[in-house]
Amino acid sequence: MISQKARYALRALLALARVGPGNTLMTSEIAAEQKIPKKFLEQILLQLKGSGLVRSHRGRTGGYELVRRPEEVMFGEVLRLVDGPIALLPCLSRVAYRACEDCRSEESCELRHVFARVALASRDVLDNTSLASALTSPDLLA
């Protein structure tokens, strides 16, 4: 399960993607539209700004805008930035690998084999789904 912070970050980025390149949204607009607590959103936007995903503009017509095109911002990148590694088991993490304490052998671990398939499928979807494709794709659950 992804964190509430990651969900808010993705929703804020999708709101910015909707307004298009060169356009800004104020924090209060994003907070109201996406039902995100403003103080929490401010922290999230600062983190996204620090990572180079958004930039802020001062003044009456200021606000936040996406730095990159929505086609270039992938869900996996945002999740890793906000929540850290995308792995259900520590032995499957690409960036924060550590052996499972209760595992005798990774090669023969049945749990690892199953969750490795889950991780590969999840990463494939997350690393190949951009903000733009999320805005234009039909609902897969319908």
C-alpha atoms as a PDB file:
ATOM      1  CA  MET A   1       0.000   0.000   0.000  1.00  0.00           C
ATOM      2  CA  ILE A   2       1.316   3.455  -0.827  1.00  0.00           C
ATOM      3  CA  SER A   3       1.351   6.185   1.777  1.00  0.00           C
ATOM      4  CA  GLN A   4      -1.191   8.990   1.976  1.00  0.00           C
ATOM      5  CA  LYS A   5       1.694  11.381   1.274  1.00  0.00           C
ATOM      6  CA  ALA A   6       2.459   9.583  -2.005  1.00  0.00           C
ATOM      7  CA  ARG A   7      -1.216   9.674  -3.003  1.00  0.00           C
ATOM      8  CA  TYR A   8      -1.341  13.412  -2.320  1.00  0.00           C
ATOM      9  CA  ALA A   9       1.896  13.978  -4.248  1.00  0.00           C
ATOM     10  CA  LEU A  10       0.553  12.128  -7.274  1.00  0.00           C
ATOM     11  CA  ARG A  11      -2.788  13.958  -7.112  1.00  0.00           C
ATOM     12  CA  ALA A  12      -1.018  17.319  -6.889  1.00  0.00           C
ATOM     13  CA  LEU A  13       1.198  16.458  -9.862  1.00  0.00           C
ATOM     14  CA  LEU A  14      -1.820  15.299 -11.866  1.00  0.00           C
ATOM     15  CA  ALA A  15      -3.570  18.606 -11.102  1.00  0.00           C
ATOM     16  CA  LEU A  16      -0.514  20.481 -12.378  1.00  0.00           C
ATOM     17  CA  ALA A  17      -0.357  18.264 -15.459  1.00  0.00           C
ATOM     18  CA  ARG A  18      -4.005  19.055 -16.226  1.00  0.00           C
ATOM     19  CA  VAL A  19      -3.408  22.817 -16.417  1.00  0.00           C
ATOM     20  CA  GLY A  20      -0.679  22.340 -19.015  1.00  0.00           C
ATOM     21  CA  PRO A  21       2.842  23.631 -19.570  1.00  0.00           C
ATOM     22  CA  GLY A  22       3.636  27.154 -18.442  1.00  0.00           C
ATOM     23  CA  ASN A  23       0.521  27.381 -16.275  1.00  0.00           C
ATOM     24  CA  THR A  24       0.597  27.487 -12.509  1.00  0.00           C
ATOM     25  CA  LEU A  25      -1.707  26.532  -9.677  1.00  0.00           C
ATOM     26  CA  MET A  26      -1.578  28.024  -6.230  1.00  0.00           C
ATOM     27  CA  THR A  27      -1.244  25.701  -3.264  1.00  0.00           C
ATOM     28  CA  SER A  28      -4.706  26.702  -2.079  1.00  0.00           C
ATOM     29  CA  GLU A  29      -6.200  25.786  -5.476  1.00  0.00           C
ATOM     30  CA  ILE A  30      -4.590  22.353  -5.485  1.00  0.00           C
ATOM     31  CA  ALA A  31      -5.555  21.756  -1.853  1.00  0.00           C
ATOM     32  CA  ALA A  32      -9.196  22.651  -2.470  1.00  0.00           C
ATOM     33  CA  GLU A  33      -9.518  20.789  -5.772  1.00  0.00           C
ATOM     34  CA  GLN A  34      -7.793  17.631  -4.525  1.00  0.00           C
ATOM     35  CA  LYS A  35      -9.050  17.742  -0.916  1.00  0.00           C
ATOM     36  CA  ILE A  36      -5.514  17.778   0.494  1.00  0.00           C
ATOM     37  CA  PRO A  37      -4.746  19.534   3.796  1.00  0.00           C
ATOM     38  CA  LYS A  38      -2.938  22.727   2.776  1.00  0.00           C
ATOM     39  CA  LYS A  39      -0.110  22.494   5.344  1.00  0.00           C
ATOM     40  CA  PHE A  40       0.633  18.908   4.327  1.00  0.00           C
ATOM     41  CA  LEU A  41       0.489  19.855   0.640  1.00  0.00           C
ATOM     42  CA  GLU A  42       3.002  22.655   1.218  1.00  0.00           C
ATOM     43  CA  GLN A  43       5.480  20.137   2.636  1.00  0.00           C
ATOM     44  CA  ILE A  44       4.896  17.771  -0.271  1.00  0.00           C
ATOM     45  CA  LEU A  45       5.343  20.535  -2.861  1.00  0.00           C
ATOM     46  CA  LEU A  46       8.608  21.588  -1.211  1.00  0.00           C
ATOM     47  CA  GLN A  47       9.865  18.008  -1.498  1.00  0.00           C
ATOM     48  CA  LEU A  48       8.765  17.841  -5.152  1.00  0.00           C
ATOM     49  CA  LYS A  49      10.452  21.189  -5.777  1.00  0.00           C
ATOM     50  CA  GLY A  50      13.670  19.978  -4.149  1.00  0.00           C
ATOM     51  CA  SER A  51      13.670  16.952  -6.440  1.00  0.00           C
ATOM     52  CA  GLY A  52      13.197  19.118  -9.537  1.00  0.00           C
ATOM     53  CA  LEU A  53       9.694  17.952 -10.449  1.00  0.00           C
ATOM     54  CA  VAL A  54       7.988  21.302  -9.833  1.00  0.00           C
ATOM     55  CA  ARG A  55       9.014  24.930  -9.517  1.00  0.00           C
ATOM     56  CA  SER A  56       7.340  27.796  -7.764  1.00  0.00           C
ATOM     57  CA  HIS A  57       6.643  31.343  -8.895  1.00  0.00           C
ATOM     58  CA  ARG A  58       6.068  34.225  -6.528  1.00  0.00           C
ATOM     59  CA  GLY A  59       3.471  36.923  -6.781  1.00  0.00           C
ATOM     60  CA  ARG A  60      -0.221  37.309  -7.344  1.00  0.00           C
ATOM     61  CA  THR A  61      -0.183  35.104 -10.440  1.00  0.00           C
ATOM     62  CA  GLY A  62       2.347  32.714  -8.935  1.00  0.00           C
ATOM     63  CA  GLY A  63       2.019  29.160  -7.829  1.00  0.00           C
ATOM     64  CA  TYR A  64       3.505  25.846  -8.840  1.00  0.00           C
ATOM     65  CA  GLU A  65       4.104  24.335 -12.255  1.00  0.00           C
ATOM     66  CA  LEU A  66       5.560  21.085 -13.557  1.00  0.00           C
ATOM     67  CA  VAL A  67       9.175  21.377 -14.653  1.00  0.00           C
ATOM     68  CA  ARG A  68       9.040  18.422 -17.040  1.00  0.00           C
ATOM     69  CA  ARG A  69       6.377  17.422 -19.510  1.00  0.00           C
ATOM     70  CA  PRO A  70       3.672  15.127 -18.028  1.00  0.00           C
ATOM     71  CA  GLU A  71       4.818  12.392 -20.457  1.00  0.00           C
ATOM     72  CA  GLU A  72       8.212  12.371 -18.731  1.00  0.00           C
ATOM     73  CA  VAL A  73       7.067  12.017 -15.107  1.00  0.00           C
ATOM     74  CA  MET A  74       6.465   8.391 -14.186  1.00  0.00           C
ATOM     75  CA  PHE A  75       4.454   7.125 -11.227  1.00  0.00           C
ATOM     76  CA  GLY A  76       7.372   4.916 -10.137  1.00  0.00           C
ATOM     77  CA  GLU A  77       9.712   7.899  -9.897  1.00  0.00           C
ATOM     78  CA  VAL A  78       7.271   9.800  -7.692  1.00  0.00           C
ATOM     79  CA  LEU A  79       6.573   6.790  -5.445  1.00  0.00           C
ATOM     80  CA  ARG A  80      10.296   6.167  -4.921  1.00  0.00           C
ATOM     81  CA  LEU A  81      10.860   9.830  -4.156  1.00  0.00           C
ATOM     82  CA  VAL A  82       8.082  10.021  -1.564  1.00  0.00           C
ATOM     83  CA  ASP A  83       7.871   6.482  -0.144  1.00  0.00           C
ATOM     84  CA  GLY A  84      11.267   4.991  -0.946  1.00  0.00           C
ATOM     85  CA  PRO A  85      11.864   1.580  -2.535  1.00  0.00           C
ATOM     86  CA  ILE A  86       9.072  -0.233  -4.335  1.00  0.00           C
ATOM     87  CA  ALA A  87       9.440  -3.747  -2.936  1.00  0.00           C
ATOM     88  CA  LEU A  88       7.265  -6.020  -0.861  1.00  0.00           C
ATOM     89  CA  LEU A  89      10.297  -7.802   0.607  1.00  0.00           C
ATOM     90  CA  PRO A  90      13.617  -6.174   1.523  1.00  0.00           C
ATOM     91  CA  CYS A  91      15.516  -8.770  -0.539  1.00  0.00           C
ATOM     92  CA  LEU A  92      13.720  -7.549  -3.681  1.00  0.00           C
ATOM     93  CA  SER A  93      14.561  -3.868  -3.362  1.00  0.00           C
ATOM     94  CA  ARG A  94      16.821  -2.435  -6.057  1.00  0.00           C
ATOM     95  CA  VAL A  95      17.944   0.574  -4.030  1.00  0.00           C
ATOM     96  CA  ALA A  96      17.613  -0.600  -0.418  1.00  0.00           C
ATOM     97  CA  TYR A  97      18.424  -4.305  -0.633  1.00  0.00           C
ATOM     98  CA  ARG A  98      18.909  -6.282   2.516  1.00  0.00           C
ATOM     99  CA  ALA A  99      18.620  -9.981   3.156  1.00  0.00           C
ATOM    100  CA  CYS A 100      15.534 -11.198   4.984  1.00  0.00           C
ATOM    101  CA  GLU A 101      16.456 -12.166   8.523  1.00  0.00           C
ATOM    102  CA  ASP A 102      14.368 -15.341   8.544  1.00  0.00           C
ATOM    103  CA  CYS A 103      15.361 -16.651   5.125  1.00  0.00           C
ATOM    104  CA  ARG A 104      17.662 -19.654   4.744  1.00  0.00           C
ATOM    105  CA  SER A 105      18.433 -19.127   1.049  1.00  0.00           C
ATOM    106  CA  GLU A 106      17.224 -16.531  -1.448  1.00  0.00           C
ATOM    107  CA  GLU A 107      17.639 -19.027  -4.297  1.00  0.00           C
ATOM    108  CA  SER A 108      15.234 -21.528  -2.743  1.00  0.00           C
ATOM    109  CA  CYS A 109      12.855 -19.085  -1.019  1.00  0.00           C
ATOM    110  CA  GLU A 110       9.354 -19.699  -2.325  1.00  0.00           C
ATOM    111  CA  LEU A 111       8.118 -16.368  -0.945  1.00  0.00           C
ATOM    112  CA  ARG A 112      10.842 -14.492  -2.787  1.00  0.00           C
ATOM    113  CA  HIS A 113      10.006 -16.238  -6.079  1.00  0.00           C
ATOM    114  CA  VAL A 114       6.336 -15.278  -5.895  1.00  0.00           C
ATOM    115  CA  PHE A 115       6.884 -11.723  -4.691  1.00  0.00           C
ATOM    116  CA  ALA A 116       9.614 -11.196  -7.289  1.00  0.00           C
ATOM    117  CA  ARG A 117       6.976 -11.703  -9.991  1.00  0.00           C
ATOM    118  CA  VAL A 118       4.664  -9.260  -8.214  1.00  0.00           C
ATOM    119  CA  ALA A 119       7.487  -6.715  -7.920  1.00  0.00           C
ATOM    120  CA  LEU A 120       8.411  -7.010 -11.599  1.00  0.00           C
ATOM    121  CA  ALA A 121       4.809  -6.558 -12.707  1.00  0.00           C
ATOM    122  CA  SER A 122       4.270  -3.611 -10.349  1.00  0.00           C
ATOM    123  CA  ARG A 123       7.488  -1.879 -11.378  1.00  0.00           C
ATOM    124  CA  ASP A 124       6.636  -2.395 -15.041  1.00  0.00           C
ATOM    125  CA  VAL A 125       3.301  -0.629 -14.619  1.00  0.00           C
ATOM    126  CA  LEU A 126       4.618   2.149 -12.357  1.00  0.00           C
ATOM    127  CA  ASP A 127       7.756   2.842 -14.384  1.00  0.00           C
ATOM    128  CA  ASN A 128       5.807   2.959 -17.649  1.00  0.00           C
ATOM    129  CA  THR A 129       2.816   5.009 -16.526  1.00  0.00           C
ATOM    130  CA  SER A 130       3.282   8.740 -16.882  1.00  0.00           C
ATOM    131  CA  LEU A 131       1.153  11.544 -15.535  1.00  0.00           C
ATOM    132  CA  ALA A 132      -0.034  12.151 -19.099  1.00  0.00           C
ATOM    133  CA  SER A 133      -1.067   8.535 -19.677  1.00  0.00           C
ATOM    134  CA  ALA A 134      -2.903   8.451 -16.332  1.00  0.00           C
ATOM    135  CA  LEU A 135      -4.918  11.484 -17.433  1.00  0.00           C
ATOM    136  CA  THR A 136      -5.828  10.016 -20.805  1.00  0.00           C
ATOM    137  CA  SER A 137      -6.234   6.295 -20.006  1.00  0.00           C
ATOM    138  CA  PRO A 138      -9.689   4.847 -19.438  1.00  0.00           C
ATOM    139  CA  ASP A 139     -10.348   3.410 -16.010  1.00  0.00           C
ATOM    140  CA  LEU A 140      -8.881  -0.099 -15.985  1.00  0.00           C
ATOM    141  CA  LEU A 141     -11.204  -1.267 -13.225  1.00  0.00           C
ATOM    142  CA  ALA A 142     -14.419  -0.423 -15.044  1.00  0.00           C
END
